[in-house]
Amino acid sequence: MDDFKKVVAGNIMKLRTLMNLTQAQLGEKLNYSDKSISKWERGESIPDVYVLKQLADLAGVTVDDIITPHDPDEELRVEKPTRRYSRRFITLTVLAGIWALAVLVFVILWIAGIFHWLVFVYAIPVSLVTLLVLNSVWGDRRWNLYIISGLVWGVICSIYLSALKYNWWQLFLVGIPAQIIIIFAFSIKSKPKTQ
């Protein structure tokens, strides 16, 4: 069993260094503390199968590569993930499509004799929902705080401007506690697991 721990420890250390990560950075990616990573690399403990799978996916290798002994001159190869399309370009294209659709609807309504400028106001929350989804899948989730905040205020503005003749300015008061809740929700941090 000690030999197995040494093999796994050595392979984890090799993968981490090939990925140019510190123990703390790898721990953050796996949601573990740097102390846990250090224990794994010293062979004091072994991560569970789920974590081995996460590490293998992160490095672009198989779990078998992590738990199998390798010759000293045999090199583990970390595969860099390749993207065929730029995520930022896709996001901007989708957002441009939403605004192009808003312009098209505006022109159609204008030709029909209805001058309805609110189409552009409604395009703001639609754009922000789309941006939130794409950013959650591809982007830096720290930006979601700002996107959700903009979405809440965009919806409130859309409702207010839709019913402008009623002057429902009180709707903006609803945005204040909503904004506080959003800030508190994004302040919640998960503690790293220790093993």
C-alpha atoms as a PDB file:
ATOM      1  CA  MET A   1       0.000   0.000   0.000  1.00  0.00           C
ATOM      2  CA  ASP A   2       2.897   2.351   0.764  1.00  0.00           C
ATOM      3  CA  ASP A   3       4.271   1.851  -2.744  1.00  0.00           C
ATOM      4  CA  PHE A   4       0.885   2.730  -4.209  1.00  0.00           C
ATOM      5  CA  LYS A   5       0.742   5.923  -2.129  1.00  0.00           C
ATOM      6  CA  LYS A   6       4.235   6.871  -3.332  1.00  0.00           C
ATOM      7  CA  VAL A   7       3.233   6.322  -6.966  1.00  0.00           C
ATOM      8  CA  VAL A   8       0.095   8.450  -6.628  1.00  0.00           C
ATOM      9  CA  ALA A   9       2.008  11.112  -4.660  1.00  0.00           C
ATOM     10  CA  GLY A  10       4.734  11.339  -7.296  1.00  0.00           C
ATOM     11  CA  ASN A  11       2.260  11.510 -10.168  1.00  0.00           C
ATOM     12  CA  ILE A  12       0.168  14.211  -8.473  1.00  0.00           C
ATOM     13  CA  MET A  13       3.302  16.280  -7.887  1.00  0.00           C
ATOM     14  CA  LYS A  14       4.431  15.806 -11.515  1.00  0.00           C
ATOM     15  CA  LEU A  15       1.016  16.830 -12.858  1.00  0.00           C
ATOM     16  CA  ARG A  16       0.846  19.882 -10.609  1.00  0.00           C
ATOM     17  CA  THR A  17       4.287  21.077 -11.697  1.00  0.00           C
ATOM     18  CA  LEU A  18       3.532  20.361 -15.373  1.00  0.00           C
ATOM     19  CA  MET A  19       0.410  22.517 -15.040  1.00  0.00           C
ATOM     20  CA  ASN A  20       2.550  25.274 -13.443  1.00  0.00           C
ATOM     21  CA  LEU A  21       0.347  25.395 -10.349  1.00  0.00           C
ATOM     22  CA  THR A  22       1.255  25.884  -6.715  1.00  0.00           C
ATOM     23  CA  GLN A  23      -0.267  23.604  -4.109  1.00  0.00           C
ATOM     24  CA  ALA A  24      -2.597  26.437  -3.112  1.00  0.00           C
ATOM     25  CA  GLN A  25      -3.711  27.017  -6.724  1.00  0.00           C
ATOM     26  CA  LEU A  26      -4.388  23.321  -7.286  1.00  0.00           C
ATOM     27  CA  GLY A  27      -6.238  23.172  -3.977  1.00  0.00           C
ATOM     28  CA  GLU A  28      -8.415  26.092  -5.038  1.00  0.00           C
ATOM     29  CA  LYS A  29      -9.285  24.392  -8.334  1.00  0.00           C
ATOM     30  CA  LEU A  30     -10.209  21.154  -6.523  1.00  0.00           C
ATOM     31  CA  ASN A  31     -11.824  22.960  -3.553  1.00  0.00           C
ATOM     32  CA  TYR A  32      -9.295  21.538  -1.101  1.00  0.00           C
ATOM     33  CA  SER A  33      -6.718  23.221   1.117  1.00  0.00           C
ATOM     34  CA  ASP A  34      -3.056  23.398   0.184  1.00  0.00           C
ATOM     35  CA  LYS A  35      -2.389  21.248   3.269  1.00  0.00           C
ATOM     36  CA  SER A  36      -4.419  18.433   1.701  1.00  0.00           C
ATOM     37  CA  ILE A  37      -2.466  18.732  -1.549  1.00  0.00           C
ATOM     38  CA  SER A  38       0.767  18.633   0.455  1.00  0.00           C
ATOM     39  CA  LYS A  39      -0.372  15.436   2.252  1.00  0.00           C
ATOM     40  CA  TRP A  40      -1.206  13.818  -1.082  1.00  0.00           C
ATOM     41  CA  GLU A  41       2.187  14.745  -2.533  1.00  0.00           C
ATOM     42  CA  ARG A  42       4.028  13.403   0.525  1.00  0.00           C
ATOM     43  CA  GLY A  43       2.074  10.148   0.304  1.00  0.00           C
ATOM     44  CA  GLU A  44       0.445  10.580   3.734  1.00  0.00           C
ATOM     45  CA  SER A  45      -3.025  10.211   2.229  1.00  0.00           C
ATOM     46  CA  ILE A  46      -4.670   9.561  -1.128  1.00  0.00           C
ATOM     47  CA  PRO A  47      -7.493  11.632  -2.599  1.00  0.00           C
ATOM     48  CA  ASP A  48     -10.767   9.846  -3.211  1.00  0.00           C
ATOM     49  CA  VAL A  49     -11.783   8.660  -6.672  1.00  0.00           C
ATOM     50  CA  TYR A  50     -13.926  11.717  -7.363  1.00  0.00           C
ATOM     51  CA  VAL A  51     -10.974  14.051  -6.715  1.00  0.00           C
ATOM     52  CA  LEU A  52      -8.671  11.856  -8.803  1.00  0.00           C
ATOM     53  CA  LYS A  53     -11.166  12.162 -11.672  1.00  0.00           C
ATOM     54  CA  GLN A  54     -11.309  15.959 -11.216  1.00  0.00           C
ATOM     55  CA  LEU A  55      -7.506  16.142 -11.240  1.00  0.00           C
ATOM     56  CA  ALA A  56      -7.293  13.914 -14.321  1.00  0.00           C
ATOM     57  CA  ASP A  57      -9.831  16.062 -16.185  1.00  0.00           C
ATOM     58  CA  LEU A  58      -7.996  19.222 -15.142  1.00  0.00           C
ATOM     59  CA  ALA A  59      -4.675  17.873 -16.423  1.00  0.00           C
ATOM     60  CA  GLY A  60      -6.088  16.211 -19.546  1.00  0.00           C
ATOM     61  CA  VAL A  61      -4.940  12.733 -18.489  1.00  0.00           C
ATOM     62  CA  THR A  62      -6.734   9.608 -17.284  1.00  0.00           C
ATOM     63  CA  VAL A  63      -7.122   8.434 -13.693  1.00  0.00           C
ATOM     64  CA  ASP A  64      -5.043   5.447 -14.746  1.00  0.00           C
ATOM     65  CA  ASP A  65      -2.158   7.834 -15.545  1.00  0.00           C
ATOM     66  CA  ILE A  66      -2.306   9.107 -11.959  1.00  0.00           C
ATOM     67  CA  ILE A  67      -2.397   5.720 -10.200  1.00  0.00           C
ATOM     68  CA  THR A  68       0.008   3.794 -12.467  1.00  0.00           C
ATOM     69  CA  PRO A  69       3.783   3.802 -11.983  1.00  0.00           C
ATOM     70  CA  HIS A  70       5.804   5.317 -14.833  1.00  0.00           C
ATOM     71  CA  ASP A  71       9.441   4.915 -15.826  1.00  0.00           C
ATOM     72  CA  PRO A  72      11.610   7.768 -14.548  1.00  0.00           C
ATOM     73  CA  ASP A  73      12.387   8.865 -18.112  1.00  0.00           C
ATOM     74  CA  GLU A  74       8.735   8.470 -19.200  1.00  0.00           C
ATOM     75  CA  GLU A  75       7.096  11.839 -19.167  1.00  0.00           C
ATOM     76  CA  LEU A  76       3.488  12.521 -18.212  1.00  0.00           C
ATOM     77  CA  ARG A  77       1.954  14.790 -20.799  1.00  0.00           C
ATOM     78  CA  VAL A  78      -0.557  17.369 -19.742  1.00  0.00           C
ATOM     79  CA  GLU A  79      -2.909  18.217 -22.570  1.00  0.00           C
ATOM     80  CA  LYS A  80      -3.861  21.815 -22.955  1.00  0.00           C
ATOM     81  CA  PRO A  81      -7.552  22.106 -23.775  1.00  0.00           C
ATOM     82  CA  THR A  82      -8.125  23.597 -27.188  1.00  0.00           C
ATOM     83  CA  ARG A  83     -11.070  25.771 -28.027  1.00  0.00           C
ATOM     84  CA  ARG A  84     -12.365  25.978 -31.518  1.00  0.00           C
ATOM     85  CA  TYR A  85     -14.237  29.239 -31.004  1.00  0.00           C
ATOM     86  CA  SER A  86     -13.566  32.242 -28.838  1.00  0.00           C
ATOM     87  CA  ARG A  87     -16.080  32.353 -26.020  1.00  0.00           C
ATOM     88  CA  ARG A  88     -15.953  36.131 -25.923  1.00  0.00           C
ATOM     89  CA  PHE A  89     -16.662  36.277 -29.672  1.00  0.00           C
ATOM     90  CA  ILE A  90     -19.644  33.921 -29.293  1.00  0.00           C
ATOM     91  CA  THR A  91     -21.014  35.974 -26.393  1.00  0.00           C
ATOM     92  CA  LEU A  92     -20.675  39.239 -28.315  1.00  0.00           C
ATOM     93  CA  THR A  93     -22.279  37.669 -31.403  1.00  0.00           C
ATOM     94  CA  VAL A  94     -25.285  36.460 -29.400  1.00  0.00           C
ATOM     95  CA  LEU A  95     -25.691  39.866 -27.731  1.00  0.00           C
ATOM     96  CA  ALA A  96     -25.408  41.616 -31.101  1.00  0.00           C
ATOM     97  CA  GLY A  97     -28.104  39.242 -32.395  1.00  0.00           C
ATOM     98  CA  ILE A  98     -30.444  40.239 -29.557  1.00  0.00           C
ATOM     99  CA  TRP A  99     -29.964  43.928 -30.343  1.00  0.00           C
ATOM    100  CA  ALA A 100     -30.358  43.317 -34.075  1.00  0.00           C
ATOM    101  CA  LEU A 101     -33.649  41.577 -33.318  1.00  0.00           C
ATOM    102  CA  ALA A 102     -34.714  44.557 -31.174  1.00  0.00           C
ATOM    103  CA  VAL A 103     -33.944  46.927 -34.057  1.00  0.00           C
ATOM    104  CA  LEU A 104     -35.889  44.691 -36.460  1.00  0.00           C
ATOM    105  CA  VAL A 105     -38.950  44.640 -34.162  1.00  0.00           C
ATOM    106  CA  PHE A 106     -38.682  48.431 -33.728  1.00  0.00           C
ATOM    107  CA  VAL A 107     -38.555  48.983 -37.511  1.00  0.00           C
ATOM    108  CA  ILE A 108     -41.500  46.624 -38.129  1.00  0.00           C
ATOM    109  CA  LEU A 109     -43.574  48.414 -35.491  1.00  0.00           C
ATOM    110  CA  TRP A 110     -42.535  51.801 -36.893  1.00  0.00           C
ATOM    111  CA  ILE A 111     -43.603  50.766 -40.403  1.00  0.00           C
ATOM    112  CA  ALA A 112     -46.908  49.625 -38.925  1.00  0.00           C
ATOM    113  CA  GLY A 113     -47.360  53.122 -37.507  1.00  0.00           C
ATOM    114  CA  ILE A 114     -46.469  52.287 -33.913  1.00  0.00           C
ATOM    115  CA  PHE A 115     -43.480  54.137 -32.518  1.00  0.00           C
ATOM    116  CA  HIS A 116     -42.576  51.794 -29.654  1.00  0.00           C
ATOM    117  CA  TRP A 117     -39.147  52.741 -28.247  1.00  0.00           C
ATOM    118  CA  LEU A 118     -39.640  50.376 -25.282  1.00  0.00           C
ATOM    119  CA  VAL A 119     -38.388  47.528 -27.465  1.00  0.00           C
ATOM    120  CA  PHE A 120     -34.867  48.722 -26.677  1.00  0.00           C
ATOM    121  CA  VAL A 121     -35.638  48.918 -22.961  1.00  0.00           C
ATOM    122  CA  TYR A 122     -36.872  45.296 -22.992  1.00  0.00           C
ATOM    123  CA  ALA A 123     -33.721  44.240 -24.851  1.00  0.00           C
ATOM    124  CA  ILE A 124     -31.611  45.185 -21.809  1.00  0.00           C
ATOM    125  CA  PRO A 125     -32.954  42.476 -19.424  1.00  0.00           C
ATOM    126  CA  VAL A 126     -32.980  39.925 -22.265  1.00  0.00           C
ATOM    127  CA  SER A 127     -29.328  40.732 -22.986  1.00  0.00           C
ATOM    128  CA  LEU A 128     -28.423  40.488 -19.308  1.00  0.00           C
ATOM    129  CA  VAL A 129     -30.160  37.105 -18.873  1.00  0.00           C
ATOM    130  CA  THR A 130     -28.276  35.805 -21.910  1.00  0.00           C
ATOM    131  CA  LEU A 131     -25.006  37.234 -20.617  1.00  0.00           C
ATOM    132  CA  LEU A 132     -25.641  35.672 -17.192  1.00  0.00           C
ATOM    133  CA  VAL A 133     -26.184  32.226 -18.701  1.00  0.00           C
ATOM    134  CA  LEU A 134     -23.125  32.417 -20.962  1.00  0.00           C
ATOM    135  CA  ASN A 135     -20.942  33.875 -18.214  1.00  0.00           C
ATOM    136  CA  SER A 136     -22.031  31.154 -15.788  1.00  0.00           C
ATOM    137  CA  VAL A 137     -21.090  28.470 -18.284  1.00  0.00           C
ATOM    138  CA  TRP A 138     -17.892  29.961 -19.715  1.00  0.00           C
ATOM    139  CA  GLY A 139     -16.823  33.050 -17.895  1.00  0.00           C
ATOM    140  CA  ASP A 140     -15.571  34.316 -14.610  1.00  0.00           C
ATOM    141  CA  ARG A 141     -18.417  33.826 -12.166  1.00  0.00           C
ATOM    142  CA  ARG A 142     -17.320  36.820 -10.118  1.00  0.00           C
ATOM    143  CA  TRP A 143     -18.914  38.987 -12.818  1.00  0.00           C
ATOM    144  CA  ASN A 144     -22.314  37.418 -12.096  1.00  0.00           C
ATOM    145  CA  LEU A 145     -22.788  39.800  -9.155  1.00  0.00           C
ATOM    146  CA  TYR A 146     -22.731  42.778 -11.520  1.00  0.00           C
ATOM    147  CA  ILE A 147     -24.798  41.044 -14.184  1.00  0.00           C
ATOM    148  CA  ILE A 148     -27.535  40.035 -11.713  1.00  0.00           C
ATOM    149  CA  SER A 149     -27.533  43.534 -10.199  1.00  0.00           C
ATOM    150  CA  GLY A 150     -27.941  45.041 -13.655  1.00  0.00           C
ATOM    151  CA  LEU A 151     -30.692  42.545 -14.424  1.00  0.00           C
ATOM    152  CA  VAL A 152     -32.694  43.467 -11.305  1.00  0.00           C
ATOM    153  CA  TRP A 153     -32.430  47.193 -12.019  1.00  0.00           C
ATOM    154  CA  GLY A 154     -33.109  46.614 -15.726  1.00  0.00           C
ATOM    155  CA  VAL A 155     -36.336  44.737 -14.971  1.00  0.00           C
ATOM    156  CA  ILE A 156     -37.435  47.455 -12.532  1.00  0.00           C
ATOM    157  CA  CYS A 157     -36.714  50.162 -15.132  1.00  0.00           C
ATOM    158  CA  SER A 158     -38.567  48.189 -17.811  1.00  0.00           C
ATOM    159  CA  ILE A 159     -41.660  47.868 -15.625  1.00  0.00           C
ATOM    160  CA  TYR A 160     -41.499  51.533 -14.600  1.00  0.00           C
ATOM    161  CA  LEU A 161     -41.098  52.784 -18.175  1.00  0.00           C
ATOM    162  CA  SER A 162     -43.863  50.457 -19.413  1.00  0.00           C
ATOM    163  CA  ALA A 163     -46.277  52.008 -16.938  1.00  0.00           C
ATOM    164  CA  LEU A 164     -44.864  55.530 -17.078  1.00  0.00           C
ATOM    165  CA  LYS A 165     -48.294  57.165 -16.950  1.00  0.00           C
ATOM    166  CA  TYR A 166     -48.898  55.630 -13.494  1.00  0.00           C
ATOM    167  CA  ASN A 167     -45.590  56.973 -12.088  1.00  0.00           C
ATOM    168  CA  TRP A 168     -44.806  53.874 -10.017  1.00  0.00           C
ATOM    169  CA  TRP A 169     -41.554  55.298  -8.658  1.00  0.00           C
ATOM    170  CA  GLN A 170     -41.974  53.075  -5.579  1.00  0.00           C
ATOM    171  CA  LEU A 171     -40.737  50.150  -7.685  1.00  0.00           C
ATOM    172  CA  PHE A 172     -37.221  51.482  -7.262  1.00  0.00           C
ATOM    173  CA  LEU A 173     -37.566  50.995  -3.498  1.00  0.00           C
ATOM    174  CA  VAL A 174     -37.907  47.238  -4.162  1.00  0.00           C
ATOM    175  CA  GLY A 175     -34.493  47.304  -5.825  1.00  0.00           C
ATOM    176  CA  ILE A 176     -32.703  48.390  -2.652  1.00  0.00           C
ATOM    177  CA  PRO A 177     -33.342  45.237  -0.559  1.00  0.00           C
ATOM    178  CA  ALA A 178     -32.932  43.127  -3.701  1.00  0.00           C
ATOM    179  CA  GLN A 179     -29.475  44.655  -4.231  1.00  0.00           C
ATOM    180  CA  ILE A 180     -28.531  44.030  -0.578  1.00  0.00           C
ATOM    181  CA  ILE A 181     -29.630  40.370  -0.870  1.00  0.00           C
ATOM    182  CA  ILE A 182     -27.583  39.949  -4.060  1.00  0.00           C
ATOM    183  CA  ILE A 183     -24.468  41.379  -2.395  1.00  0.00           C
ATOM    184  CA  PHE A 184     -24.912  39.147   0.673  1.00  0.00           C
ATOM    185  CA  ALA A 185     -25.540  36.077  -1.499  1.00  0.00           C
ATOM    186  CA  PHE A 186     -22.297  36.639  -3.389  1.00  0.00           C
ATOM    187  CA  SER A 187     -20.394  37.186  -0.127  1.00  0.00           C
ATOM    188  CA  ILE A 188     -21.018  33.592   0.946  1.00  0.00           C
ATOM    189  CA  LYS A 189     -17.824  31.577   0.547  1.00  0.00           C
ATOM    190  CA  SER A 190     -17.405  27.830   0.784  1.00  0.00           C
ATOM    191  CA  LYS A 191     -14.662  26.520   3.033  1.00  0.00           C
ATOM    192  CA  PRO A 192     -12.059  24.307   1.416  1.00  0.00           C
ATOM    193  CA  LYS A 193     -12.292  20.648   2.364  1.00  0.00           C
ATOM    194  CA  THR A 194      -9.528  19.133   4.440  1.00  0.00           C
ATOM    195  CA  GLN A 195      -8.753  15.492   4.403  1.00  0.00           C
END
